[in-house]
Amino acid sequence: MKCDRVGRRRSSDVDGAPANADRKPDLRGSLNQPTNATLRVDLHSHTNCSHDAVTTPWDLVERAREANLDRIAVTDHGCLDGAWRAREIDPELVIIGEEIRCRCRTEL
C-alpha cells in the first residue's frame, strides 16, 4: 500500500502504479467537487491571429491533442478571433483569453 497526497492509503498494482493509471481522469464533474485529478494545461499560446505566431487555430488544437493536454488558453495579442476559432474546433479543450498591453506598455 502507498499513501496519496493527503496521507490516505491506496492500493497499487504489481509495478507500483495505481491500478487505474492508464485511464484519463474524468474532468467533467462539478467545479465545486474536490478532485485528485492532475490537469495538463498550457496557459499561454498564440495563433496566427497574433503578430508573433504562424500556427493556425486548427494546428494549435491538433498539437495540443497530440501533446495530451487537457486544456489550452489561447491568448493572442489584442485579439480574440483565434481563440474563438480554436474553441469552435474543440470547446472542451480551449480556454479563451487575450494578451493585452497596458498604458505603461506592460503586457498581461
PDB file of N, CA and C in Angstrom:
ATOM      1  N   MET A   1       0.829  -1.182   0.000  1.00  0.00           N
ATOM      2  CA  MET A   1       0.000   0.000   0.000  1.00  0.00           C
ATOM      3  C   MET A   1       0.873   1.244   0.000  1.00  0.00           C
ATOM      4  N   LYS A   2       0.400   2.272  -0.698  1.00  0.00           N
ATOM      5  CA  LYS A   2       1.061   3.565  -0.722  1.00  0.00           C
ATOM      6  C   LYS A   2       0.078   4.610  -0.248  1.00  0.00           C
ATOM      7  N   CYS A   3       0.591   5.809   0.069  1.00  0.00           N
ATOM      8  CA  CYS A   3      -0.280   6.891   0.510  1.00  0.00           C
ATOM      9  C   CYS A   3      -0.408   7.922  -0.587  1.00  0.00           C
ATOM     10  N   ASP A   4      -1.587   8.517  -0.690  1.00  0.00           N
ATOM     11  CA  ASP A   4      -1.765   9.605  -1.642  1.00  0.00           C
ATOM     12  C   ASP A   4      -1.314  10.906  -0.988  1.00  0.00           C
ATOM     13  N   ARG A   5      -1.550  12.043  -1.660  1.00  0.00           N
ATOM     14  CA  ARG A   5      -1.051  13.331  -1.180  1.00  0.00           C
ATOM     15  C   ARG A   5      -1.579  13.741   0.186  1.00  0.00           C
ATOM     16  N   VAL A   6      -2.752  13.263   0.557  1.00  0.00           N
ATOM     17  CA  VAL A   6      -3.298  13.660   1.848  1.00  0.00           C
ATOM     18  C   VAL A   6      -3.133  12.561   2.885  1.00  0.00           C
ATOM     19  N   GLY A   7      -2.294  11.558   2.595  1.00  0.00           N
ATOM     20  CA  GLY A   7      -1.966  10.535   3.571  1.00  0.00           C
ATOM     21  C   GLY A   7      -2.897   9.348   3.629  1.00  0.00           C
ATOM     22  N   ARG A   8      -3.896   9.289   2.734  1.00  0.00           N
ATOM     23  CA  ARG A   8      -4.788   8.135   2.729  1.00  0.00           C
ATOM     24  C   ARG A   8      -4.095   6.980   2.023  1.00  0.00           C
ATOM     25  N   ARG A   9      -4.342   5.784   2.483  1.00  0.00           N
ATOM     26  CA  ARG A   9      -3.752   4.617   1.831  1.00  0.00           C
ATOM     27  C   ARG A   9      -4.505   4.318   0.540  1.00  0.00           C
ATOM     28  N   ARG A  10      -3.762   3.877  -0.476  1.00  0.00           N
ATOM     29  CA  ARG A  10      -4.372   3.476  -1.738  1.00  0.00           C
ATOM     30  C   ARG A  10      -3.676   2.222  -2.231  1.00  0.00           C
ATOM     31  N   SER A  11      -4.413   1.403  -2.948  1.00  0.00           N
ATOM     32  CA  SER A  11      -3.821   0.175  -3.470  1.00  0.00           C
ATOM     33  C   SER A  11      -3.131   0.462  -4.786  1.00  0.00           C
ATOM     34  N   SER A  12      -2.154  -0.358  -5.135  1.00  0.00           N
ATOM     35  CA  SER A  12      -1.475  -0.221  -6.415  1.00  0.00           C
ATOM     36  C   SER A  12      -1.296  -1.601  -7.010  1.00  0.00           C
ATOM     37  N   ASP A  13      -1.064  -1.633  -8.307  1.00  0.00           N
ATOM     38  CA  ASP A  13      -0.874  -2.925  -8.943  1.00  0.00           C
ATOM     39  C   ASP A  13       0.574  -3.372  -8.756  1.00  0.00           C
ATOM     40  N   VAL A  14       0.977  -4.433  -9.410  1.00  0.00           N
ATOM     41  CA  VAL A  14       2.275  -5.059  -9.192  1.00  0.00           C
ATOM     42  C   VAL A  14       3.448  -4.129  -9.451  1.00  0.00           C
ATOM     43  N   ASP A  15       3.412  -3.283 -10.474  1.00  0.00           N
ATOM     44  CA  ASP A  15       4.555  -2.430 -10.801  1.00  0.00           C
ATOM     45  C   ASP A  15       4.600  -1.136  -9.991  1.00  0.00           C
ATOM     46  N   GLY A  16       3.701  -0.962  -9.032  1.00  0.00           N
ATOM     47  CA  GLY A  16       3.723   0.210  -8.177  1.00  0.00           C
ATOM     48  C   GLY A  16       2.841   1.348  -8.652  1.00  0.00           C
ATOM     49  N   ALA A  17       2.346   1.286  -9.875  1.00  0.00           N
ATOM     50  CA  ALA A  17       1.465   2.331 -10.393  1.00  0.00           C
ATOM     51  C   ALA A  17       0.047   2.081  -9.901  1.00  0.00           C
ATOM     52  N   PRO A  18      -0.731   3.119  -9.699  1.00  0.00           N
ATOM     53  CA  PRO A  18      -2.125   2.914  -9.318  1.00  0.00           C
ATOM     54  C   PRO A  18      -2.835   2.039 -10.346  1.00  0.00           C
ATOM     55  N   ALA A  19      -3.795   1.273  -9.888  1.00  0.00           N
ATOM     56  CA  ALA A  19      -4.497   0.340 -10.775  1.00  0.00           C
ATOM     57  C   ALA A  19      -5.156   1.035 -11.949  1.00  0.00           C
ATOM     58  N   ASN A  20      -5.551   2.289 -11.796  1.00  0.00           N
ATOM     59  CA  ASN A  20      -6.225   2.999 -12.885  1.00  0.00           C
ATOM     60  C   ASN A  20      -5.319   4.040 -13.545  1.00  0.00           C
ATOM     61  N   ALA A  21      -3.993   3.851 -13.492  1.00  0.00           N
ATOM     62  CA  ALA A  21      -3.050   4.847 -14.017  1.00  0.00           C
ATOM     63  C   ALA A  21      -3.176   5.052 -15.517  1.00  0.00           C
ATOM     64  N   ASP A  22      -3.662   4.064 -16.246  1.00  0.00           N
ATOM     65  CA  ASP A  22      -3.768   4.201 -17.695  1.00  0.00           C
ATOM     66  C   ASP A  22      -5.039   4.924 -18.118  1.00  0.00           C
ATOM     67  N   ARG A  23      -5.944   5.174 -17.192  1.00  0.00           N
ATOM     68  CA  ARG A  23      -7.183   5.873 -17.514  1.00  0.00           C
ATOM     69  C   ARG A  23      -7.000   7.364 -17.381  1.00  0.00           C
ATOM     70  N   LYS A  24      -7.553   8.119 -18.307  1.00  0.00           N
ATOM     71  CA  LYS A  24      -7.537   9.582 -18.241  1.00  0.00           C
ATOM     72  C   LYS A  24      -8.602  10.021 -17.239  1.00  0.00           C
ATOM     73  N   PRO A  25      -8.304  10.977 -16.354  1.00  0.00           N
ATOM     74  CA  PRO A  25      -9.299  11.387 -15.363  1.00  0.00           C
ATOM     75  C   PRO A  25     -10.524  12.023 -16.007  1.00  0.00           C
ATOM     76  N   ASP A  26     -11.681  11.789 -15.401  1.00  0.00           N
ATOM     77  CA  ASP A  26     -12.912  12.428 -15.867  1.00  0.00           C
ATOM     78  C   ASP A  26     -12.972  13.811 -15.232  1.00  0.00           C
ATOM     79  N   LEU A  27     -12.844  14.849 -16.044  1.00  0.00           N
ATOM     80  CA  LEU A  27     -12.763  16.212 -15.544  1.00  0.00           C
ATOM     81  C   LEU A  27     -14.052  16.981 -15.743  1.00  0.00           C
ATOM     82  N   ARG A  28     -15.125  16.287 -16.092  1.00  0.00           N
ATOM     83  CA  ARG A  28     -16.376  16.969 -16.409  1.00  0.00           C
ATOM     84  C   ARG A  28     -17.267  17.175 -15.197  1.00  0.00           C
ATOM     85  N   GLY A  29     -16.802  16.832 -14.006  1.00  0.00           N
ATOM     86  CA  GLY A  29     -17.618  16.972 -12.809  1.00  0.00           C
ATOM     87  C   GLY A  29     -17.821  18.425 -12.420  1.00  0.00           C
ATOM     88  N   SER A  30     -18.534  18.621 -11.346  1.00  0.00           N
ATOM     89  CA  SER A  30     -18.809  19.959 -10.847  1.00  0.00           C
ATOM     90  C   SER A  30     -17.521  20.635 -10.400  1.00  0.00           C
ATOM     91  N   LEU A  31     -17.420  21.935 -10.633  1.00  0.00           N
ATOM     92  CA  LEU A  31     -16.248  22.675 -10.194  1.00  0.00           C
ATOM     93  C   LEU A  31     -16.171  22.757  -8.678  1.00  0.00           C
ATOM     94  N   ASN A  32     -17.277  22.503  -7.993  1.00  0.00           N
ATOM     95  CA  ASN A  32     -17.297  22.578  -6.540  1.00  0.00           C
ATOM     96  C   ASN A  32     -16.890  21.274  -5.875  1.00  0.00           C
ATOM     97  N   GLN A  33     -16.734  20.203  -6.640  1.00  0.00           N
ATOM     98  CA  GLN A  33     -16.352  18.925  -6.072  1.00  0.00           C
ATOM     99  C   GLN A  33     -14.841  18.789  -6.081  1.00  0.00           C
ATOM    100  N   PRO A  34     -14.225  18.449  -4.930  1.00  0.00           N
ATOM    101  CA  PRO A  34     -12.775  18.266  -4.910  1.00  0.00           C
ATOM    102  C   PRO A  34     -12.385  17.047  -5.734  1.00  0.00           C
ATOM    103  N   THR A  35     -11.225  17.113  -6.348  1.00  0.00           N
ATOM    104  CA  THR A  35     -10.736  16.001  -7.148  1.00  0.00           C
ATOM    105  C   THR A  35      -9.227  15.902  -6.999  1.00  0.00           C
ATOM    106  N   ASN A  36      -8.703  14.716  -7.163  1.00  0.00           N
ATOM    107  CA  ASN A  36      -7.263  14.500  -7.121  1.00  0.00           C
ATOM    108  C   ASN A  36      -6.681  14.402  -8.525  1.00  0.00           C
ATOM    109  N   ALA A  37      -7.475  14.713  -9.543  1.00  0.00           N
ATOM    110  CA  ALA A  37      -7.022  14.609 -10.926  1.00  0.00           C
ATOM    111  C   ALA A  37      -5.975  15.673 -11.221  1.00  0.00           C
ATOM    112  N   THR A  38      -5.005  15.319 -12.036  1.00  0.00           N
ATOM    113  CA  THR A  38      -3.983  16.250 -12.478  1.00  0.00           C
ATOM    114  C   THR A  38      -4.324  16.705 -13.884  1.00  0.00           C
ATOM    115  N   LEU A  39      -4.312  18.013 -14.106  1.00  0.00           N
ATOM    116  CA  LEU A  39      -4.575  18.564 -15.432  1.00  0.00           C
ATOM    117  C   LEU A  39      -3.268  18.968 -16.084  1.00  0.00           C
ATOM    118  N   ARG A  40      -3.143  18.685 -17.364  1.00  0.00           N
ATOM    119  CA  ARG A  40      -2.008  19.166 -18.161  1.00  0.00           C
ATOM    120  C   ARG A  40      -2.529  20.362 -18.958  1.00  0.00           C
ATOM    121  N   VAL A  41      -2.023  21.556 -18.642  1.00  0.00           N
ATOM    122  CA  VAL A  41      -2.571  22.795 -19.180  1.00  0.00           C
ATOM    123  C   VAL A  41      -1.464  23.704 -19.687  1.00  0.00           C
ATOM    124  N   ASP A  42      -1.675  24.314 -20.852  1.00  0.00           N
ATOM    125  CA  ASP A  42      -0.804  25.377 -21.358  1.00  0.00           C
ATOM    126  C   ASP A  42      -1.624  26.656 -21.285  1.00  0.00           C
ATOM    127  N   LEU A  43      -1.195  27.603 -20.459  1.00  0.00           N
ATOM    128  CA  LEU A  43      -1.984  28.814 -20.237  1.00  0.00           C
ATOM    129  C   LEU A  43      -1.524  30.003 -21.064  1.00  0.00           C
ATOM    130  N   HIS A  44      -0.636  29.777 -22.040  1.00  0.00           N
ATOM    131  CA  HIS A  44      -0.187  30.889 -22.884  1.00  0.00           C
ATOM    132  C   HIS A  44       0.181  30.341 -24.259  1.00  0.00           C
ATOM    133  N   SER A  45      -0.730  30.453 -25.192  1.00  0.00           N
ATOM    134  CA  SER A  45      -0.465  30.012 -26.564  1.00  0.00           C
ATOM    135  C   SER A  45      -1.040  31.034 -27.540  1.00  0.00           C
ATOM    136  N   HIS A  46      -0.461  31.071 -28.736  1.00  0.00           N
ATOM    137  CA  HIS A  46      -0.877  32.037 -29.752  1.00  0.00           C
ATOM    138  C   HIS A  46      -1.226  31.342 -31.056  1.00  0.00           C
ATOM    139  N   THR A  47      -2.129  31.951 -31.813  1.00  0.00           N
ATOM    140  CA  THR A  47      -2.448  31.511 -33.167  1.00  0.00           C
ATOM    141  C   THR A  47      -1.914  32.561 -34.137  1.00  0.00           C
ATOM    142  N   ASN A  48      -2.111  32.307 -35.422  1.00  0.00           N
ATOM    143  CA  ASN A  48      -1.660  33.267 -36.429  1.00  0.00           C
ATOM    144  C   ASN A  48      -2.490  34.555 -36.436  1.00  0.00           C
ATOM    145  N   CYS A  49      -3.463  34.670 -35.558  1.00  0.00           N
ATOM    146  CA  CYS A  49      -4.175  35.940 -35.384  1.00  0.00           C
ATOM    147  C   CYS A  49      -3.330  36.918 -34.570  1.00  0.00           C
ATOM    148  N   SER A  50      -2.282  36.419 -33.947  1.00  0.00           N
ATOM    149  CA  SER A  50      -1.364  37.246 -33.175  1.00  0.00           C
ATOM    150  C   SER A  50      -0.164  37.583 -34.054  1.00  0.00           C
ATOM    151  N   HIS A  51       0.418  38.752 -33.855  1.00  0.00           N
ATOM    152  CA  HIS A  51       1.518  39.207 -34.715  1.00  0.00           C
ATOM    153  C   HIS A  51       2.793  38.373 -34.582  1.00  0.00           C
ATOM    154  N   ASP A  52       2.917  37.573 -33.528  1.00  0.00           N
ATOM    155  CA  ASP A  52       4.153  36.835 -33.292  1.00  0.00           C
ATOM    156  C   ASP A  52       4.010  35.324 -33.456  1.00  0.00           C
ATOM    157  N   ALA A  53       2.986  34.870 -34.171  1.00  0.00           N
ATOM    158  CA  ALA A  53       2.765  33.431 -34.334  1.00  0.00           C
ATOM    159  C   ALA A  53       2.325  33.111 -35.761  1.00  0.00           C
ATOM    160  N   VAL A  54       2.575  31.878 -36.171  1.00  0.00           N
ATOM    161  CA  VAL A  54       2.187  31.429 -37.511  1.00  0.00           C
ATOM    162  C   VAL A  54       1.264  30.205 -37.468  1.00  0.00           C
ATOM    163  N   THR A  55       0.970  29.698 -36.286  1.00  0.00           N
ATOM    164  CA  THR A  55       0.165  28.492 -36.135  1.00  0.00           C
ATOM    165  C   THR A  55      -1.317  28.810 -36.290  1.00  0.00           C
ATOM    166  N   THR A  56      -1.991  28.069 -37.152  1.00  0.00           N
ATOM    167  CA  THR A  56      -3.433  28.263 -37.320  1.00  0.00           C
ATOM    168  C   THR A  56      -4.167  27.718 -36.093  1.00  0.00           C
ATOM    169  N   PRO A  57      -5.381  28.185 -35.833  1.00  0.00           N
ATOM    170  CA  PRO A  57      -6.152  27.623 -34.722  1.00  0.00           C
ATOM    171  C   PRO A  57      -6.303  26.098 -34.836  1.00  0.00           C
ATOM    172  N   TRP A  58      -6.545  25.618 -36.040  1.00  0.00           N
ATOM    173  CA  TRP A  58      -6.686  24.170 -36.250  1.00  0.00           C
ATOM    174  C   TRP A  58      -5.403  23.440 -35.851  1.00  0.00           C
ATOM    175  N   ASP A  59      -4.248  23.929 -36.317  1.00  0.00           N
ATOM    176  CA  ASP A  59      -2.978  23.286 -35.990  1.00  0.00           C
ATOM    177  C   ASP A  59      -2.666  23.355 -34.497  1.00  0.00           C
ATOM    178  N   LEU A  60      -3.016  24.451 -33.856  1.00  0.00           N
ATOM    179  CA  LEU A  60      -2.787  24.591 -32.423  1.00  0.00           C
ATOM    180  C   LEU A  60      -3.592  23.557 -31.642  1.00  0.00           C
ATOM    181  N   VAL A  61      -4.856  23.389 -31.996  1.00  0.00           N
ATOM    182  CA  VAL A  61      -5.701  22.397 -31.335  1.00  0.00           C
ATOM    183  C   VAL A  61      -5.159  20.991 -31.579  1.00  0.00           C
ATOM    184  N   GLU A  62      -4.777  20.689 -32.799  1.00  0.00           N
ATOM    185  CA  GLU A  62      -4.237  19.368 -33.107  1.00  0.00           C
ATOM    186  C   GLU A  62      -2.958  19.087 -32.330  1.00  0.00           C
ATOM    187  N   ARG A  63      -2.081  20.081 -32.237  1.00  0.00           N
ATOM    188  CA  ARG A  63      -0.821  19.912 -31.495  1.00  0.00           C
ATOM    189  C   ARG A  63      -1.083  19.700 -30.006  1.00  0.00           C
ATOM    190  N   ALA A  64      -2.051  20.423 -29.452  1.00  0.00           N
ATOM    191  CA  ALA A  64      -2.414  20.243 -28.040  1.00  0.00           C
ATOM    192  C   ALA A  64      -2.956  18.835 -27.798  1.00  0.00           C
ATOM    193  N   ARG A  65      -3.758  18.339 -28.719  1.00  0.00           N
ATOM    194  CA  ARG A  65      -4.274  16.972 -28.599  1.00  0.00           C
ATOM    195  C   ARG A  65      -3.136  15.961 -28.664  1.00  0.00           C
ATOM    196  N   GLU A  66      -2.197  16.158 -29.609  1.00  0.00           N
ATOM    197  CA  GLU A  66      -1.048  15.257 -29.734  1.00  0.00           C
ATOM    198  C   GLU A  66      -0.198  15.249 -28.472  1.00  0.00           C
ATOM    199  N   ALA A  67      -0.117  16.392 -27.795  1.00  0.00           N
ATOM    200  CA  ALA A  67       0.669  16.515 -26.565  1.00  0.00           C
ATOM    201  C   ALA A  67      -0.121  16.055 -25.334  1.00  0.00           C
ATOM    202  N   ASN A  68      -1.343  15.563 -25.544  1.00  0.00           N
ATOM    203  CA  ASN A  68      -2.215  15.093 -24.465  1.00  0.00           C
ATOM    204  C   ASN A  68      -2.504  16.170 -23.417  1.00  0.00           C
ATOM    205  N   LEU A  69      -2.662  17.399 -23.876  1.00  0.00           N
ATOM    206  CA  LEU A  69      -3.026  18.475 -22.963  1.00  0.00           C
ATOM    207  C   LEU A  69      -4.521  18.407 -22.672  1.00  0.00           C
ATOM    208  N   ASP A  70      -4.894  18.732 -21.452  1.00  0.00           N
ATOM    209  CA  ASP A  70      -6.300  18.725 -21.072  1.00  0.00           C
ATOM    210  C   ASP A  70      -6.978  20.053 -21.390  1.00  0.00           C
ATOM    211  N   ARG A  71      -6.229  21.140 -21.345  1.00  0.00           N
ATOM    212  CA  ARG A  71      -6.744  22.468 -21.670  1.00  0.00           C
ATOM    213  C   ARG A  71      -5.617  23.322 -22.236  1.00  0.00           C
ATOM    214  N   ILE A  72      -5.979  24.279 -23.107  1.00  0.00           N
ATOM    215  CA  ILE A  72      -5.040  25.309 -23.562  1.00  0.00           C
ATOM    216  C   ILE A  72      -5.767  26.650 -23.492  1.00  0.00           C
ATOM    217  N   ALA A  73      -5.043  27.671 -23.090  1.00  0.00           N
ATOM    218  CA  ALA A  73      -5.576  29.027 -23.130  1.00  0.00           C
ATOM    219  C   ALA A  73      -4.972  29.700 -24.355  1.00  0.00           C
ATOM    220  N   VAL A  74      -5.822  30.114 -25.278  1.00  0.00           N
ATOM    221  CA  VAL A  74      -5.365  30.818 -26.473  1.00  0.00           C
ATOM    222  C   VAL A  74      -5.393  32.302 -26.136  1.00  0.00           C
ATOM    223  N   THR A  75      -4.209  32.917 -26.104  1.00  0.00           N
ATOM    224  CA  THR A  75      -4.061  34.290 -25.610  1.00  0.00           C
ATOM    225  C   THR A  75      -3.325  35.143 -26.633  1.00  0.00           C
ATOM    226  N   ASP A  76      -3.930  35.338 -27.782  1.00  0.00           N
ATOM    227  CA  ASP A  76      -3.322  36.178 -28.817  1.00  0.00           C
ATOM    228  C   ASP A  76      -3.206  37.617 -28.333  1.00  0.00           C
ATOM    229  N   HIS A  77      -2.307  38.377 -28.968  1.00  0.00           N
ATOM    230  CA  HIS A  77      -2.096  39.786 -28.622  1.00  0.00           C
ATOM    231  C   HIS A  77      -3.261  40.643 -29.109  1.00  0.00           C
ATOM    232  N   GLY A  78      -4.014  41.223 -28.176  1.00  0.00           N
ATOM    233  CA  GLY A  78      -5.054  42.182 -28.518  1.00  0.00           C
ATOM    234  C   GLY A  78      -6.156  41.673 -29.419  1.00  0.00           C
ATOM    235  N   CYS A  79      -6.417  40.379 -29.422  1.00  0.00           N
ATOM    236  CA  CYS A  79      -7.382  39.808 -30.364  1.00  0.00           C
ATOM    237  C   CYS A  79      -7.963  38.520 -29.800  1.00  0.00           C
ATOM    238  N   LEU A  80      -9.258  38.325 -29.978  1.00  0.00           N
ATOM    239  CA  LEU A  80      -9.918  37.100 -29.532  1.00  0.00           C
ATOM    240  C   LEU A  80     -10.278  36.160 -30.683  1.00  0.00           C
ATOM    241  N   ASP A  81     -10.094  36.598 -31.916  1.00  0.00           N
ATOM    242  CA  ASP A  81     -10.539  35.813 -33.079  1.00  0.00           C
ATOM    243  C   ASP A  81      -9.951  34.405 -33.100  1.00  0.00           C
ATOM    244  N   GLY A  82      -8.649  34.274 -32.892  1.00  0.00           N
ATOM    245  CA  GLY A  82      -8.003  32.960 -32.921  1.00  0.00           C
ATOM    246  C   GLY A  82      -8.513  32.053 -31.821  1.00  0.00           C
ATOM    247  N   ALA A  83      -8.753  32.626 -30.640  1.00  0.00           N
ATOM    248  CA  ALA A  83      -9.270  31.838 -29.523  1.00  0.00           C
ATOM    249  C   ALA A  83     -10.678  31.329 -29.819  1.00  0.00           C
ATOM    250  N   TRP A  84     -11.519  32.189 -30.369  1.00  0.00           N
ATOM    251  CA  TRP A  84     -12.879  31.756 -30.723  1.00  0.00           C
ATOM    252  C   TRP A  84     -12.860  30.686 -31.800  1.00  0.00           C
ATOM    253  N   ARG A  85     -11.982  30.838 -32.807  1.00  0.00           N
ATOM    254  CA  ARG A  85     -11.887  29.818 -33.863  1.00  0.00           C
ATOM    255  C   ARG A  85     -11.419  28.483 -33.293  1.00  0.00           C
ATOM    256  N   ALA A  86     -10.423  28.523 -32.398  1.00  0.00           N
ATOM    257  CA  ALA A  86      -9.930  27.289 -31.781  1.00  0.00           C
ATOM    258  C   ALA A  86     -11.019  26.651 -30.923  1.00  0.00           C
ATOM    259  N   ARG A  87     -11.770  27.470 -30.215  1.00  0.00           N
ATOM    260  CA  ARG A  87     -12.831  26.943 -29.360  1.00  0.00           C
ATOM    261  C   ARG A  87     -13.943  26.284 -30.180  1.00  0.00           C
ATOM    262  N   GLU A  88     -14.209  26.798 -31.371  1.00  0.00           N
ATOM    263  CA  GLU A  88     -15.189  26.159 -32.254  1.00  0.00           C
ATOM    264  C   GLU A  88     -14.739  24.753 -32.634  1.00  0.00           C
ATOM    265  N   ILE A  89     -13.439  24.546 -32.749  1.00  0.00           N
ATOM    266  CA  ILE A  89     -12.892  23.234 -33.112  1.00  0.00           C
ATOM    267  C   ILE A  89     -13.008  22.266 -31.938  1.00  0.00           C
ATOM    268  N   ASP A  90     -12.683  22.731 -30.723  1.00  0.00           N
ATOM    269  CA  ASP A  90     -12.739  21.865 -29.539  1.00  0.00           C
ATOM    270  C   ASP A  90     -13.120  22.693 -28.305  1.00  0.00           C
ATOM    271  N   PRO A  91     -14.428  22.825 -28.042  1.00  0.00           N
ATOM    272  CA  PRO A  91     -14.891  23.675 -26.934  1.00  0.00           C
ATOM    273  C   PRO A  91     -14.400  23.236 -25.558  1.00  0.00           C
ATOM    274  N   GLU A  92     -14.208  21.936 -25.357  1.00  0.00           N
ATOM    275  CA  GLU A  92     -13.765  21.454 -24.046  1.00  0.00           C
ATOM    276  C   GLU A  92     -12.284  21.724 -23.808  1.00  0.00           C
ATOM    277  N   LEU A  93     -11.492  21.773 -24.852  1.00  0.00           N
ATOM    278  CA  LEU A  93     -10.041  21.947 -24.738  1.00  0.00           C
ATOM    279  C   LEU A  93      -9.638  23.405 -24.558  1.00  0.00           C
ATOM    280  N   VAL A  94     -10.311  24.317 -25.249  1.00  0.00           N
ATOM    281  CA  VAL A  94      -9.834  25.697 -25.385  1.00  0.00           C
ATOM    282  C   VAL A  94     -10.442  26.641 -24.351  1.00  0.00           C
ATOM    283  N   ILE A  95      -9.561  27.392 -23.700  1.00  0.00           N
ATOM    284  CA  ILE A  95      -9.932  28.486 -22.817  1.00  0.00           C
ATOM    285  C   ILE A  95      -9.653  29.776 -23.593  1.00  0.00           C
ATOM    286  N   ILE A  96     -10.628  30.648 -23.671  1.00  0.00           N
ATOM    287  CA  ILE A  96     -10.459  31.896 -24.425  1.00  0.00           C
ATOM    288  C   ILE A  96      -9.788  32.937 -23.541  1.00  0.00           C
ATOM    289  N   GLY A  97      -8.725  33.542 -24.072  1.00  0.00           N
ATOM    290  CA  GLY A  97      -8.013  34.582 -23.340  1.00  0.00           C
ATOM    291  C   GLY A  97      -7.487  35.617 -24.304  1.00  0.00           C
ATOM    292  N   GLU A  98      -6.824  36.617 -23.776  1.00  0.00           N
ATOM    293  CA  GLU A  98      -6.246  37.651 -24.611  1.00  0.00           C
ATOM    294  C   GLU A  98      -5.053  38.257 -23.880  1.00  0.00           C
ATOM    295  N   GLU A  99      -3.961  38.444 -24.591  1.00  0.00           N
ATOM    296  CA  GLU A  99      -2.812  39.146 -24.041  1.00  0.00           C
ATOM    297  C   GLU A  99      -2.974  40.620 -24.368  1.00  0.00           C
ATOM    298  N   ILE A 100      -2.975  41.461 -23.343  1.00  0.00           N
ATOM    299  CA  ILE A 100      -3.228  42.886 -23.550  1.00  0.00           C
ATOM    300  C   ILE A 100      -2.023  43.709 -23.158  1.00  0.00           C
ATOM    301  N   ARG A 101      -1.928  44.895 -23.740  1.00  0.00           N
ATOM    302  CA  ARG A 101      -0.873  45.842 -23.404  1.00  0.00           C
ATOM    303  C   ARG A 101      -1.485  46.971 -22.582  1.00  0.00           C
ATOM    304  N   CYS A 102      -0.896  47.222 -21.444  1.00  0.00           N
ATOM    305  CA  CYS A 102      -1.366  48.288 -20.546  1.00  0.00           C
ATOM    306  C   CYS A 102      -0.813  49.632 -20.985  1.00  0.00           C
ATOM    307  N   ARG A 103      -1.343  50.678 -20.420  1.00  0.00           N
ATOM    308  CA  ARG A 103      -0.862  52.026 -20.728  1.00  0.00           C
ATOM    309  C   ARG A 103       0.637  52.172 -20.486  1.00  0.00           C
ATOM    310  N   CYS A 104       1.139  51.481 -19.478  1.00  0.00           N
ATOM    311  CA  CYS A 104       2.565  51.578 -19.144  1.00  0.00           C
ATOM    312  C   CYS A 104       3.419  50.684 -20.047  1.00  0.00           C
ATOM    313  N   ARG A 105       2.810  50.106 -21.094  1.00  0.00           N
ATOM    314  CA  ARG A 105       3.456  49.277 -22.107  1.00  0.00           C
ATOM    315  C   ARG A 105       3.806  47.868 -21.601  1.00  0.00           C
ATOM    316  N   THR A 106       3.289  47.495 -20.449  1.00  0.00           N
ATOM    317  CA  THR A 106       3.467  46.139 -19.921  1.00  0.00           C
ATOM    318  C   THR A 106       2.413  45.249 -20.557  1.00  0.00           C
ATOM    319  N   GLU A 107       2.791  44.023 -20.904  1.00  0.00           N
ATOM    320  CA  GLU A 107       1.821  43.073 -21.446  1.00  0.00           C
ATOM    321  C   GLU A 107       1.364  42.115 -20.355  1.00  0.00           C
ATOM    322  N   LEU A 108       0.067  41.890 -20.325  1.00  0.00           N
ATOM    323  CA  LEU A 108      -0.543  40.962 -19.364  1.00  0.00           C
ATOM    324  C   LEU A 108      -1.253  39.869 -20.113  1.00  0.00           C
TER     325      LEU A 108
END
